[in-house]
Amino acid sequence: MRPRNGLMVMTEDDRRRLLDRLERLGEQKVRLMSGVDCVRFFGNWQAAELVEEWLEFKSVERQEQTGLLGRLFGRR
């Protein structure tokens, strides 16, 4: 992170590293950690927003993968 106008700003390298970390942790752990205290575990408000975007993306990705058979025979 680099300071700009007195605030810390995420660089593209920071974003890439955070996204790699989220992929390593997995959706369930990230959801749990962000529910407890997103800023504490992942960084500033910019990181918290990136985590929310990533979780939304994973949710949409999971829904697209399930398809008809997944909806019929999936876990309930």
C-alpha atoms as a PDB file:
ATOM      1  CA  MET A   1       0.000   0.000   0.000  1.00  0.00           C
ATOM      2  CA  ARG A   2       1.161   3.466  -0.817  1.00  0.00           C
ATOM      3  CA  PRO A   3       0.244   6.693   0.925  1.00  0.00           C
ATOM      4  CA  ARG A   4      -1.571   9.236  -1.216  1.00  0.00           C
ATOM      5  CA  ASN A   5      -3.076  12.408   0.217  1.00  0.00           C
ATOM      6  CA  GLY A   6      -2.564  11.032   3.712  1.00  0.00           C
ATOM      7  CA  LEU A   7      -4.478   7.813   2.968  1.00  0.00           C
ATOM      8  CA  MET A   8      -3.197   4.339   2.212  1.00  0.00           C
ATOM      9  CA  VAL A   9      -4.092   3.245  -1.321  1.00  0.00           C
ATOM     10  CA  MET A  10      -3.997  -0.329  -2.650  1.00  0.00           C
ATOM     11  CA  THR A  11      -1.726  -0.882  -5.619  1.00  0.00           C
ATOM     12  CA  GLU A  12      -2.357  -3.486  -8.325  1.00  0.00           C
ATOM     13  CA  ASP A  13       0.292  -5.663  -6.691  1.00  0.00           C
ATOM     14  CA  ASP A  14      -1.582  -5.444  -3.368  1.00  0.00           C
ATOM     15  CA  ARG A  15      -4.840  -6.404  -5.091  1.00  0.00           C
ATOM     16  CA  ARG A  16      -3.224  -9.389  -6.813  1.00  0.00           C
ATOM     17  CA  ARG A  17      -1.647 -10.623  -3.571  1.00  0.00           C
ATOM     18  CA  LEU A  18      -4.937 -10.270  -1.700  1.00  0.00           C
ATOM     19  CA  LEU A  19      -6.846 -12.143  -4.420  1.00  0.00           C
ATOM     20  CA  ASP A  20      -4.225 -14.931  -4.330  1.00  0.00           C
ATOM     21  CA  ARG A  21      -4.616 -15.108  -0.554  1.00  0.00           C
ATOM     22  CA  LEU A  22      -8.405 -15.318  -0.859  1.00  0.00           C
ATOM     23  CA  GLU A  23      -8.110 -18.174  -3.364  1.00  0.00           C
ATOM     24  CA  ARG A  24      -5.770 -20.057  -1.012  1.00  0.00           C
ATOM     25  CA  LEU A  25      -8.105 -19.619   1.968  1.00  0.00           C
ATOM     26  CA  GLY A  26     -11.239 -20.638   0.105  1.00  0.00           C
ATOM     27  CA  GLU A  27     -14.737 -19.225   0.093  1.00  0.00           C
ATOM     28  CA  GLN A  28     -15.918 -20.608   3.450  1.00  0.00           C
ATOM     29  CA  LYS A  29     -12.943 -19.331   5.458  1.00  0.00           C
ATOM     30  CA  VAL A  30     -13.035 -15.931   3.757  1.00  0.00           C
ATOM     31  CA  ARG A  31     -16.769 -15.612   4.442  1.00  0.00           C
ATOM     32  CA  LEU A  32     -16.212 -16.497   8.112  1.00  0.00           C
ATOM     33  CA  MET A  33     -13.245 -14.164   8.548  1.00  0.00           C
ATOM     34  CA  SER A  34     -14.962 -11.268   6.794  1.00  0.00           C
ATOM     35  CA  GLY A  35     -18.064 -11.801   8.912  1.00  0.00           C
ATOM     36  CA  VAL A  36     -16.042 -11.547  12.113  1.00  0.00           C
ATOM     37  CA  ASP A  37     -13.942  -8.487  11.239  1.00  0.00           C
ATOM     38  CA  CYS A  38     -12.998  -7.937   7.617  1.00  0.00           C
ATOM     39  CA  VAL A  39     -10.754  -4.917   8.186  1.00  0.00           C
ATOM     40  CA  ARG A  40      -8.844  -6.696  10.949  1.00  0.00           C
ATOM     41  CA  PHE A  41      -8.102  -9.823   8.893  1.00  0.00           C
ATOM     42  CA  PHE A  42      -7.640  -8.357   5.423  1.00  0.00           C
ATOM     43  CA  GLY A  43      -6.579  -4.734   5.831  1.00  0.00           C
ATOM     44  CA  ASN A  44      -8.240  -1.405   5.187  1.00  0.00           C
ATOM     45  CA  TRP A  45     -11.657  -0.565   3.759  1.00  0.00           C
ATOM     46  CA  GLN A  46     -10.375  -1.047   0.203  1.00  0.00           C
ATOM     47  CA  ALA A  47      -9.402  -4.618   1.006  1.00  0.00           C
ATOM     48  CA  ALA A  48     -12.794  -5.161   2.641  1.00  0.00           C
ATOM     49  CA  GLU A  49     -14.533  -4.001  -0.544  1.00  0.00           C
ATOM     50  CA  LEU A  50     -12.342  -6.291  -2.653  1.00  0.00           C
ATOM     51  CA  VAL A  51     -13.226  -9.216  -0.366  1.00  0.00           C
ATOM     52  CA  GLU A  52     -16.945  -8.465  -0.789  1.00  0.00           C
ATOM     53  CA  GLU A  53     -16.555  -8.333  -4.580  1.00  0.00           C
ATOM     54  CA  TRP A  54     -14.646 -11.623  -4.552  1.00  0.00           C
ATOM     55  CA  LEU A  55     -17.326 -13.319  -2.439  1.00  0.00           C
ATOM     56  CA  GLU A  56     -20.054 -12.089  -4.797  1.00  0.00           C
ATOM     57  CA  PHE A  57     -18.070 -13.406  -7.774  1.00  0.00           C
ATOM     58  CA  LYS A  58     -17.637 -16.811  -6.105  1.00  0.00           C
ATOM     59  CA  SER A  59     -21.348 -16.963  -5.313  1.00  0.00           C
ATOM     60  CA  VAL A  60     -22.294 -16.262  -8.936  1.00  0.00           C
ATOM     61  CA  GLU A  61     -19.663 -18.727 -10.139  1.00  0.00           C
ATOM     62  CA  ARG A  62     -21.062 -21.434  -7.854  1.00  0.00           C
ATOM     63  CA  GLN A  63     -24.634 -20.805  -9.043  1.00  0.00           C
ATOM     64  CA  GLU A  64     -23.571 -21.079 -12.688  1.00  0.00           C
ATOM     65  CA  GLN A  65     -21.784 -24.371 -12.046  1.00  0.00           C
ATOM     66  CA  THR A  66     -24.687 -26.070 -10.338  1.00  0.00           C
ATOM     67  CA  GLY A  67     -27.037 -26.146 -13.323  1.00  0.00           C
ATOM     68  CA  LEU A  68     -30.203 -28.228 -13.345  1.00  0.00           C
ATOM     69  CA  LEU A  69     -28.752 -31.434 -11.858  1.00  0.00           C
ATOM     70  CA  GLY A  70     -27.065 -29.492  -9.087  1.00  0.00           C
ATOM     71  CA  ARG A  71     -30.329 -27.807  -8.201  1.00  0.00           C
ATOM     72  CA  LEU A  72     -32.232 -31.104  -8.278  1.00  0.00           C
ATOM     73  CA  PHE A  73     -29.739 -33.240  -6.354  1.00  0.00           C
ATOM     74  CA  GLY A  74     -27.673 -30.645  -4.498  1.00  0.00           C
ATOM     75  CA  ARG A  75     -27.346 -30.288  -0.747  1.00  0.00           C
ATOM     76  CA  ARG A  76     -30.254 -28.697   1.070  1.00  0.00           C
END
